[in-house]
mmCIF file of all heavy atoms, coordinates in Angstrom:
data_MODEL
# 
_entry.id   MODEL 
# 
loop_
_atom_site.group_PDB 
_atom_site.id 
_atom_site.type_symbol 
_atom_site.label_atom_id 
_atom_site.label_alt_id 
_atom_site.label_comp_id 
_atom_site.label_asym_id 
_atom_site.label_entity_id 
_atom_site.label_seq_id 
_atom_site.pdbx_PDB_ins_code 
_atom_site.Cartn_x 
_atom_site.Cartn_y 
_atom_site.Cartn_z 
_atom_site.occupancy 
_atom_site.B_iso_or_equiv 
_atom_site.pdbx_formal_charge 
_atom_site.auth_seq_id 
_atom_site.auth_comp_id 
_atom_site.auth_asym_id 
_atom_site.auth_atom_id 
_atom_site.pdbx_PDB_model_num 
ATOM 1   N N   . MET A 1 1  ? 0.851   -1.133 -0.050 1.00 0.00 ? 1  MET A N   1 
ATOM 2   C CA  . MET A 1 1  ? -0.003  0.022  0.020  1.00 0.00 ? 1  MET A CA  1 
ATOM 3   C C   . MET A 1 1  ? 0.906   1.233  -0.077 1.00 0.00 ? 1  MET A C   1 
ATOM 4   O O   . MET A 1 1  ? 1.857   1.243  0.740  1.00 0.00 ? 1  MET A O   1 
ATOM 5   C CB  . MET A 1 1  ? -0.848  -0.044 1.276  1.00 0.00 ? 1  MET A CB  1 
ATOM 6   C CG  . MET A 1 1  ? -2.083  0.734  1.098  1.00 0.00 ? 1  MET A CG  1 
ATOM 7   S SD  . MET A 1 1  ? -3.126  0.357  2.440  1.00 0.00 ? 1  MET A SD  1 
ATOM 8   C CE  . MET A 1 1  ? -4.581  0.531  1.597  1.00 0.00 ? 1  MET A CE  1 
ATOM 9   N N   . THR A 1 2  ? 0.523   2.168  -0.832 1.00 0.00 ? 2  THR A N   1 
ATOM 10  C CA  . THR A 1 2  ? 1.359   3.371  -0.939 1.00 0.00 ? 2  THR A CA  1 
ATOM 11  C C   . THR A 1 2  ? 0.912   4.344  0.050  1.00 0.00 ? 2  THR A C   1 
ATOM 12  O O   . THR A 1 2  ? -0.399  4.590  0.307  1.00 0.00 ? 2  THR A O   1 
ATOM 13  C CB  . THR A 1 2  ? 1.309   3.978  -2.294 1.00 0.00 ? 2  THR A CB  1 
ATOM 14  O OG1 . THR A 1 2  ? 0.055   4.288  -2.645 1.00 0.00 ? 2  THR A OG1 1 
ATOM 15  C CG2 . THR A 1 2  ? 1.945   3.000  -3.390 1.00 0.00 ? 2  THR A CG2 1 
ATOM 16  N N   . GLY A 1 3  ? 1.720   5.177  0.523  1.00 0.00 ? 3  GLY A N   1 
ATOM 17  C CA  . GLY A 1 3  ? 1.305   6.268  1.570  1.00 0.00 ? 3  GLY A CA  1 
ATOM 18  C C   . GLY A 1 3  ? 0.808   7.481  0.777  1.00 0.00 ? 3  GLY A C   1 
ATOM 19  O O   . GLY A 1 3  ? 1.190   7.696  -0.381 1.00 0.00 ? 3  GLY A O   1 
ATOM 20  N N   . LEU A 1 4  ? 0.046   8.331  1.326  1.00 0.00 ? 4  LEU A N   1 
ATOM 21  C CA  . LEU A 1 4  ? -0.408  9.546  0.773  1.00 0.00 ? 4  LEU A CA  1 
ATOM 22  C C   . LEU A 1 4  ? 0.643   10.516 0.983  1.00 0.00 ? 4  LEU A C   1 
ATOM 23  O O   . LEU A 1 4  ? 1.446   10.561 1.916  1.00 0.00 ? 4  LEU A O   1 
ATOM 24  C CB  . LEU A 1 4  ? -1.790  9.930  1.470  1.00 0.00 ? 4  LEU A CB  1 
ATOM 25  C CG  . LEU A 1 4  ? -2.797  8.991  1.358  1.00 0.00 ? 4  LEU A CG  1 
ATOM 26  C CD1 . LEU A 1 4  ? -4.053  9.419  2.184  1.00 0.00 ? 4  LEU A CD1 1 
ATOM 27  C CD2 . LEU A 1 4  ? -3.420  8.798  -0.015 1.00 0.00 ? 4  LEU A CD2 1 
ATOM 28  N N   . SER A 1 5  ? 0.714   11.458 -0.014 1.00 0.00 ? 5  SER A N   1 
ATOM 29  C CA  . SER A 1 5  ? 1.695   12.564 0.110  1.00 0.00 ? 5  SER A CA  1 
ATOM 30  C C   . SER A 1 5  ? 1.249   13.485 1.200  1.00 0.00 ? 5  SER A C   1 
ATOM 31  O O   . SER A 1 5  ? 0.126   13.541 1.655  1.00 0.00 ? 5  SER A O   1 
ATOM 32  C CB  . SER A 1 5  ? 1.708   13.350 -1.194 1.00 0.00 ? 5  SER A CB  1 
ATOM 33  O OG  . SER A 1 5  ? 0.535   13.988 -1.428 1.00 0.00 ? 5  SER A OG  1 
ATOM 34  N N   . PRO A 1 6  ? 2.258   14.203 1.811  1.00 0.00 ? 6  PRO A N   1 
ATOM 35  C CA  . PRO A 1 6  ? 1.913   14.932 2.940  1.00 0.00 ? 6  PRO A CA  1 
ATOM 36  C C   . PRO A 1 6  ? 0.965   16.155 2.579  1.00 0.00 ? 6  PRO A C   1 
ATOM 37  O O   . PRO A 1 6  ? 0.019   16.507 3.451  1.00 0.00 ? 6  PRO A O   1 
ATOM 38  C CB  . PRO A 1 6  ? 3.186   15.485 3.453  1.00 0.00 ? 6  PRO A CB  1 
ATOM 39  C CG  . PRO A 1 6  ? 4.266   14.659 2.823  1.00 0.00 ? 6  PRO A CG  1 
ATOM 40  C CD  . PRO A 1 6  ? 3.659   13.962 1.598  1.00 0.00 ? 6  PRO A CD  1 
ATOM 41  N N   . ALA A 1 7  ? 0.978   16.657 1.419  1.00 0.00 ? 7  ALA A N   1 
ATOM 42  C CA  . ALA A 1 7  ? 0.155   17.692 0.966  1.00 0.00 ? 7  ALA A CA  1 
ATOM 43  C C   . ALA A 1 7  ? -1.340  17.179 0.920  1.00 0.00 ? 7  ALA A C   1 
ATOM 44  O O   . ALA A 1 7  ? -2.240  17.886 1.334  1.00 0.00 ? 7  ALA A O   1 
ATOM 45  C CB  . ALA A 1 7  ? 0.621   18.390 -0.256 1.00 0.00 ? 7  ALA A CB  1 
ATOM 46  N N   . PHE A 1 8  ? -1.429  16.105 0.241  1.00 0.00 ? 8  PHE A N   1 
ATOM 47  C CA  . PHE A 1 8  ? -2.710  15.605 0.166  1.00 0.00 ? 8  PHE A CA  1 
ATOM 48  C C   . PHE A 1 8  ? -3.365  15.146 1.339  1.00 0.00 ? 8  PHE A C   1 
ATOM 49  O O   . PHE A 1 8  ? -4.557  15.194 1.648  1.00 0.00 ? 8  PHE A O   1 
ATOM 50  C CB  . PHE A 1 8  ? -2.724  14.186 -0.914 1.00 0.00 ? 8  PHE A CB  1 
ATOM 51  C CG  . PHE A 1 8  ? -4.007  13.644 -1.237 1.00 0.00 ? 8  PHE A CG  1 
ATOM 52  C CD1 . PHE A 1 8  ? -4.888  14.327 -2.027 1.00 0.00 ? 8  PHE A CD1 1 
ATOM 53  C CD2 . PHE A 1 8  ? -4.398  12.477 -0.562 1.00 0.00 ? 8  PHE A CD2 1 
ATOM 54  C CE1 . PHE A 1 8  ? -6.105  13.795 -2.325 1.00 0.00 ? 8  PHE A CE1 1 
ATOM 55  C CE2 . PHE A 1 8  ? -5.667  11.873 -0.930 1.00 0.00 ? 8  PHE A CE2 1 
ATOM 56  C CZ  . PHE A 1 8  ? -6.512  12.585 -1.752 1.00 0.00 ? 8  PHE A CZ  1 
ATOM 57  N N   . SER A 1 9  ? -2.520  14.588 2.401  1.00 0.00 ? 9  SER A N   1 
ATOM 58  C CA  . SER A 1 9  ? -2.939  14.304 3.781  1.00 0.00 ? 9  SER A CA  1 
ATOM 59  C C   . SER A 1 9  ? -3.492  15.432 4.368  1.00 0.00 ? 9  SER A C   1 
ATOM 60  O O   . SER A 1 9  ? -4.593  15.479 5.127  1.00 0.00 ? 9  SER A O   1 
ATOM 61  C CB  . SER A 1 9  ? -1.931  13.615 4.492  1.00 0.00 ? 9  SER A CB  1 
ATOM 62  O OG  . SER A 1 9  ? -1.461  12.388 4.006  1.00 0.00 ? 9  SER A OG  1 
ATOM 63  N N   . ARG A 1 10 ? -2.865  16.602 4.266  1.00 0.00 ? 10 ARG A N   1 
ATOM 64  C CA  . ARG A 1 10 ? -3.274  17.773 4.871  1.00 0.00 ? 10 ARG A CA  1 
ATOM 65  C C   . ARG A 1 10 ? -4.632  18.222 4.290  1.00 0.00 ? 10 ARG A C   1 
ATOM 66  O O   . ARG A 1 10 ? -5.602  18.684 5.032  1.00 0.00 ? 10 ARG A O   1 
ATOM 67  C CB  . ARG A 1 10 ? -2.176  18.988 4.647  1.00 0.00 ? 10 ARG A CB  1 
ATOM 68  C CG  . ARG A 1 10 ? -1.071  18.704 5.525  1.00 0.00 ? 10 ARG A CG  1 
ATOM 69  C CD  . ARG A 1 10 ? -0.122  19.937 5.436  1.00 0.00 ? 10 ARG A CD  1 
ATOM 70  N NE  . ARG A 1 10 ? 1.183   19.621 6.066  1.00 0.00 ? 10 ARG A NE  1 
ATOM 71  C CZ  . ARG A 1 10 ? 2.302   19.797 5.450  1.00 0.00 ? 10 ARG A CZ  1 
ATOM 72  N NH1 . ARG A 1 10 ? 2.391   20.270 4.292  1.00 0.00 ? 10 ARG A NH1 1 
ATOM 73  N NH2 . ARG A 1 10 ? 3.467   19.383 6.054  1.00 0.00 ? 10 ARG A NH2 1 
ATOM 74  N N   . VAL A 1 11 ? -4.817  18.180 2.988  1.00 0.00 ? 11 VAL A N   1 
ATOM 75  C CA  . VAL A 1 11 ? -5.920  18.596 2.250  1.00 0.00 ? 11 VAL A CA  1 
ATOM 76  C C   . VAL A 1 11 ? -7.100  17.715 2.716  1.00 0.00 ? 11 VAL A C   1 
ATOM 77  O O   . VAL A 1 11 ? -8.219  18.110 2.971  1.00 0.00 ? 11 VAL A O   1 
ATOM 78  C CB  . VAL A 1 11 ? -5.821  18.602 0.687  1.00 0.00 ? 11 VAL A CB  1 
ATOM 79  C CG1 . VAL A 1 11 ? -7.168  18.762 0.114  1.00 0.00 ? 11 VAL A CG1 1 
ATOM 80  C CG2 . VAL A 1 11 ? -4.831  19.753 0.415  1.00 0.00 ? 11 VAL A CG2 1 
ATOM 81  N N   . LEU A 1 12 ? -6.841  16.323 2.778  1.00 0.00 ? 12 LEU A N   1 
ATOM 82  C CA  . LEU A 1 12 ? -7.855  15.445 3.189  1.00 0.00 ? 12 LEU A CA  1 
ATOM 83  C C   . LEU A 1 12 ? -8.222  15.702 4.559  1.00 0.00 ? 12 LEU A C   1 
ATOM 84  O O   . LEU A 1 12 ? -9.493  15.610 5.014  1.00 0.00 ? 12 LEU A O   1 
ATOM 85  C CB  . LEU A 1 12 ? -7.320  14.023 3.024  1.00 0.00 ? 12 LEU A CB  1 
ATOM 86  C CG  . LEU A 1 12 ? -8.361  12.880 3.281  1.00 0.00 ? 12 LEU A CG  1 
ATOM 87  C CD1 . LEU A 1 12 ? -9.527  13.015 2.332  1.00 0.00 ? 12 LEU A CD1 1 
ATOM 88  C CD2 . LEU A 1 12 ? -7.723  11.570 3.110  1.00 0.00 ? 12 LEU A CD2 1 
ATOM 89  N N   . ALA A 1 13 ? -7.329  15.911 5.472  1.00 0.00 ? 13 ALA A N   1 
ATOM 90  C CA  . ALA A 1 13 ? -7.633  16.317 6.905  1.00 0.00 ? 13 ALA A CA  1 
ATOM 91  C C   . ALA A 1 13 ? -8.388  17.585 7.104  1.00 0.00 ? 13 ALA A C   1 
ATOM 92  O O   . ALA A 1 13 ? -9.366  17.603 7.947  1.00 0.00 ? 13 ALA A O   1 
ATOM 93  C CB  . ALA A 1 13 ? -6.242  16.339 7.747  1.00 0.00 ? 13 ALA A CB  1 
ATOM 94  N N   . LEU A 1 14 ? -8.032  18.600 6.210  1.00 0.00 ? 14 LEU A N   1 
ATOM 95  C CA  . LEU A 1 14 ? -8.843  19.829 6.274  1.00 0.00 ? 14 LEU A CA  1 
ATOM 96  C C   . LEU A 1 14 ? -10.268 19.465 5.868  1.00 0.00 ? 14 LEU A C   1 
ATOM 97  O O   . LEU A 1 14 ? -11.259 20.087 6.295  1.00 0.00 ? 14 LEU A O   1 
ATOM 98  C CB  . LEU A 1 14 ? -8.093  20.826 5.494  1.00 0.00 ? 14 LEU A CB  1 
ATOM 99  C CG  . LEU A 1 14 ? -6.917  21.525 6.092  1.00 0.00 ? 14 LEU A CG  1 
ATOM 100 C CD1 . LEU A 1 14 ? -6.222  22.487 5.095  1.00 0.00 ? 14 LEU A CD1 1 
ATOM 101 C CD2 . LEU A 1 14 ? -7.231  22.326 7.366  1.00 0.00 ? 14 LEU A CD2 1 
ATOM 102 N N   . ALA A 1 15 ? -10.349 18.692 4.738  1.00 0.00 ? 15 ALA A N   1 
ATOM 103 C CA  . ALA A 1 15 ? -11.634 18.455 4.325  1.00 0.00 ? 15 ALA A CA  1 
ATOM 104 C C   . ALA A 1 15 ? -12.542 17.650 5.242  1.00 0.00 ? 15 ALA A C   1 
ATOM 105 O O   . ALA A 1 15 ? -13.756 17.918 5.434  1.00 0.00 ? 15 ALA A O   1 
ATOM 106 C CB  . ALA A 1 15 ? -11.633 17.563 2.954  1.00 0.00 ? 15 ALA A CB  1 
ATOM 107 N N   . LEU A 1 16 ? -11.920 16.717 5.875  1.00 0.00 ? 16 LEU A N   1 
ATOM 108 C CA  . LEU A 1 16 ? -12.783 15.973 6.997  1.00 0.00 ? 16 LEU A CA  1 
ATOM 109 C C   . LEU A 1 16 ? -13.027 16.969 8.089  1.00 0.00 ? 16 LEU A C   1 
ATOM 110 O O   . LEU A 1 16 ? -14.155 16.803 8.627  1.00 0.00 ? 16 LEU A O   1 
ATOM 111 C CB  . LEU A 1 16 ? -11.783 14.799 7.459  1.00 0.00 ? 16 LEU A CB  1 
ATOM 112 C CG  . LEU A 1 16 ? -11.761 13.514 6.579  1.00 0.00 ? 16 LEU A CG  1 
ATOM 113 C CD1 . LEU A 1 16 ? -10.700 12.544 7.093  1.00 0.00 ? 16 LEU A CD1 1 
ATOM 114 C CD2 . LEU A 1 16 ? -13.106 12.988 6.280  1.00 0.00 ? 16 LEU A CD2 1 
ATOM 115 N N   . LEU A 1 17 ? -12.094 17.803 8.490  1.00 0.00 ? 17 LEU A N   1 
ATOM 116 C CA  . LEU A 1 17 ? -12.456 18.771 9.557  1.00 0.00 ? 17 LEU A CA  1 
ATOM 117 C C   . LEU A 1 17 ? -13.441 19.619 9.062  1.00 0.00 ? 17 LEU A C   1 
ATOM 118 O O   . LEU A 1 17 ? -14.423 19.903 9.888  1.00 0.00 ? 17 LEU A O   1 
ATOM 119 C CB  . LEU A 1 17 ? -11.178 19.575 9.880  1.00 0.00 ? 17 LEU A CB  1 
ATOM 120 C CG  . LEU A 1 17 ? -11.343 20.487 10.970 1.00 0.00 ? 17 LEU A CG  1 
ATOM 121 C CD1 . LEU A 1 17 ? -11.603 19.911 12.252 1.00 0.00 ? 17 LEU A CD1 1 
ATOM 122 C CD2 . LEU A 1 17 ? -10.101 21.430 11.078 1.00 0.00 ? 17 LEU A CD2 1 
ATOM 123 N N   . GLY A 1 18 ? -13.537 20.149 7.773  1.00 0.00 ? 18 GLY A N   1 
ATOM 124 C CA  . GLY A 1 18 ? -14.715 20.948 7.371  1.00 0.00 ? 18 GLY A CA  1 
ATOM 125 C C   . GLY A 1 18 ? -16.000 20.195 7.249  1.00 0.00 ? 18 GLY A C   1 
ATOM 126 O O   . GLY A 1 18 ? -17.027 20.614 7.698  1.00 0.00 ? 18 GLY A O   1 
ATOM 127 N N   . LEU A 1 19 ? -15.961 18.818 6.974  1.00 0.00 ? 19 LEU A N   1 
ATOM 128 C CA  . LEU A 1 19 ? -17.151 18.046 6.970  1.00 0.00 ? 19 LEU A CA  1 
ATOM 129 C C   . LEU A 1 19 ? -17.638 17.953 8.317  1.00 0.00 ? 19 LEU A C   1 
ATOM 130 O O   . LEU A 1 19 ? -18.898 17.982 8.587  1.00 0.00 ? 19 LEU A O   1 
ATOM 131 C CB  . LEU A 1 19 ? -16.865 16.676 6.308  1.00 0.00 ? 19 LEU A CB  1 
ATOM 132 C CG  . LEU A 1 19 ? -17.973 15.704 6.172  1.00 0.00 ? 19 LEU A CG  1 
ATOM 133 C CD1 . LEU A 1 19 ? -19.120 16.279 5.289  1.00 0.00 ? 19 LEU A CD1 1 
ATOM 134 C CD2 . LEU A 1 19 ? -17.578 14.387 5.680  1.00 0.00 ? 19 LEU A CD2 1 
ATOM 135 N N   . VAL A 1 20 ? -16.849 17.712 9.364  1.00 0.00 ? 20 VAL A N   1 
ATOM 136 C CA  . VAL A 1 20 ? -17.235 17.594 10.818 1.00 0.00 ? 20 VAL A CA  1 
ATOM 137 C C   . VAL A 1 20 ? -17.845 18.894 11.186 1.00 0.00 ? 20 VAL A C   1 
ATOM 138 O O   . VAL A 1 20 ? -18.912 18.886 11.806 1.00 0.00 ? 20 VAL A O   1 
ATOM 139 C CB  . VAL A 1 20 ? -16.052 17.131 11.655 1.00 0.00 ? 20 VAL A CB  1 
ATOM 140 C CG1 . VAL A 1 20 ? -16.338 17.254 13.110 1.00 0.00 ? 20 VAL A CG1 1 
ATOM 141 C CG2 . VAL A 1 20 ? -15.632 15.707 11.319 1.00 0.00 ? 20 VAL A CG2 1 
ATOM 142 N N   . GLY A 1 21 ? -17.277 20.023 10.732 1.00 0.00 ? 21 GLY A N   1 
ATOM 143 C CA  . GLY A 1 21 ? -17.748 21.353 11.143 1.00 0.00 ? 21 GLY A CA  1 
ATOM 144 C C   . GLY A 1 21 ? -19.214 21.447 10.465 1.00 0.00 ? 21 GLY A C   1 
ATOM 145 O O   . GLY A 1 21 ? -19.977 22.015 11.182 1.00 0.00 ? 21 GLY A O   1 
ATOM 146 N N   . LEU A 1 22 ? -19.365 21.110 9.214  1.00 0.00 ? 22 LEU A N   1 
ATOM 147 C CA  . LEU A 1 22 ? -20.718 21.224 8.631  1.00 0.00 ? 22 LEU A CA  1 
ATOM 148 C C   . LEU A 1 22 ? -21.696 20.333 9.310  1.00 0.00 ? 22 LEU A C   1 
ATOM 149 O O   . LEU A 1 22 ? -22.825 20.732 9.481  1.00 0.00 ? 22 LEU A O   1 
ATOM 150 C CB  . LEU A 1 22 ? -20.518 20.811 7.212  1.00 0.00 ? 22 LEU A CB  1 
ATOM 151 C CG  . LEU A 1 22 ? -20.316 21.849 6.133  1.00 0.00 ? 22 LEU A CG  1 
ATOM 152 C CD1 . LEU A 1 22 ? -19.970 21.260 4.677  1.00 0.00 ? 22 LEU A CD1 1 
ATOM 153 C CD2 . LEU A 1 22 ? -21.455 22.757 6.030  1.00 0.00 ? 22 LEU A CD2 1 
ATOM 154 N N   . LEU A 1 23 ? -21.377 19.116 9.713  1.00 0.00 ? 23 LEU A N   1 
ATOM 155 C CA  . LEU A 1 23 ? -22.260 18.265 10.400 1.00 0.00 ? 23 LEU A CA  1 
ATOM 156 C C   . LEU A 1 23 ? -22.571 18.868 11.716 1.00 0.00 ? 23 LEU A C   1 
ATOM 157 O O   . LEU A 1 23 ? -23.877 18.755 12.089 1.00 0.00 ? 23 LEU A O   1 
ATOM 158 C CB  . LEU A 1 23 ? -21.552 16.812 10.589 1.00 0.00 ? 23 LEU A CB  1 
ATOM 159 C CG  . LEU A 1 23 ? -21.536 15.946 9.334  1.00 0.00 ? 23 LEU A CG  1 
ATOM 160 C CD1 . LEU A 1 23 ? -20.759 14.729 9.583  1.00 0.00 ? 23 LEU A CD1 1 
ATOM 161 C CD2 . LEU A 1 23 ? -22.808 15.742 8.721  1.00 0.00 ? 23 LEU A CD2 1 
ATOM 162 N N   . VAL A 1 24 ? -21.650 19.396 12.491 1.00 0.00 ? 24 VAL A N   1 
ATOM 163 C CA  . VAL A 1 24 ? -21.914 19.971 13.800 1.00 0.00 ? 24 VAL A CA  1 
ATOM 164 C C   . VAL A 1 24 ? -22.925 21.254 13.595 1.00 0.00 ? 24 VAL A C   1 
ATOM 165 O O   . VAL A 1 24 ? -23.791 21.442 14.285 1.00 0.00 ? 24 VAL A O   1 
ATOM 166 C CB  . VAL A 1 24 ? -20.582 20.507 14.531 1.00 0.00 ? 24 VAL A CB  1 
ATOM 167 C CG1 . VAL A 1 24 ? -20.907 21.459 15.692 1.00 0.00 ? 24 VAL A CG1 1 
ATOM 168 C CG2 . VAL A 1 24 ? -19.843 19.214 14.959 1.00 0.00 ? 24 VAL A CG2 1 
ATOM 169 N N   . TYR A 1 25 ? -22.673 21.962 12.468 1.00 0.00 ? 25 TYR A N   1 
ATOM 170 C CA  . TYR A 1 25 ? -23.520 23.179 12.193 1.00 0.00 ? 25 TYR A CA  1 
ATOM 171 C C   . TYR A 1 25 ? -24.907 22.667 11.805 1.00 0.00 ? 25 TYR A C   1 
ATOM 172 O O   . TYR A 1 25 ? -25.876 23.271 12.401 1.00 0.00 ? 25 TYR A O   1 
ATOM 173 C CB  . TYR A 1 25 ? -23.012 23.954 11.019 1.00 0.00 ? 25 TYR A CB  1 
ATOM 174 C CG  . TYR A 1 25 ? -23.712 25.238 10.660 1.00 0.00 ? 25 TYR A CG  1 
ATOM 175 C CD1 . TYR A 1 25 ? -23.749 26.288 11.435 1.00 0.00 ? 25 TYR A CD1 1 
ATOM 176 C CD2 . TYR A 1 25 ? -24.614 25.137 9.641  1.00 0.00 ? 25 TYR A CD2 1 
ATOM 177 C CE1 . TYR A 1 25 ? -24.611 27.402 11.095 1.00 0.00 ? 25 TYR A CE1 1 
ATOM 178 C CE2 . TYR A 1 25 ? -25.417 26.042 9.208  1.00 0.00 ? 25 TYR A CE2 1 
ATOM 179 C CZ  . TYR A 1 25 ? -25.461 27.306 9.956  1.00 0.00 ? 25 TYR A CZ  1 
ATOM 180 O OH  . TYR A 1 25 ? -26.219 28.340 9.599  1.00 0.00 ? 25 TYR A OH  1 
ATOM 181 N N   . ALA A 1 26 ? -24.976 21.650 11.010 1.00 0.00 ? 26 ALA A N   1 
ATOM 182 C CA  . ALA A 1 26 ? -26.255 21.171 10.585 1.00 0.00 ? 26 ALA A CA  1 
ATOM 183 C C   . ALA A 1 26 ? -27.043 20.557 11.662 1.00 0.00 ? 26 ALA A C   1 
ATOM 184 O O   . ALA A 1 26 ? -28.291 20.571 11.806 1.00 0.00 ? 26 ALA A O   1 
ATOM 185 C CB  . ALA A 1 26 ? -26.138 20.248 9.367  1.00 0.00 ? 26 ALA A CB  1 
ATOM 186 N N   . ALA A 1 27 ? -26.370 19.853 12.509 1.00 0.00 ? 27 ALA A N   1 
ATOM 187 C CA  . ALA A 1 27 ? -27.015 19.102 13.681 1.00 0.00 ? 27 ALA A CA  1 
ATOM 188 C C   . ALA A 1 27 ? -27.375 19.946 14.858 1.00 0.00 ? 27 ALA A C   1 
ATOM 189 O O   . ALA A 1 27 ? -28.361 19.630 15.582 1.00 0.00 ? 27 ALA A O   1 
ATOM 190 C CB  . ALA A 1 27 ? -26.220 17.866 14.081 1.00 0.00 ? 27 ALA A CB  1 
# 
């Protein structure tokens, strides 16, 4: 399995954080 690049990991982490923020806002 190949690891994710650090830049992509950061973008993915920020996207997940944004998704959690949207869910908290919506809920």
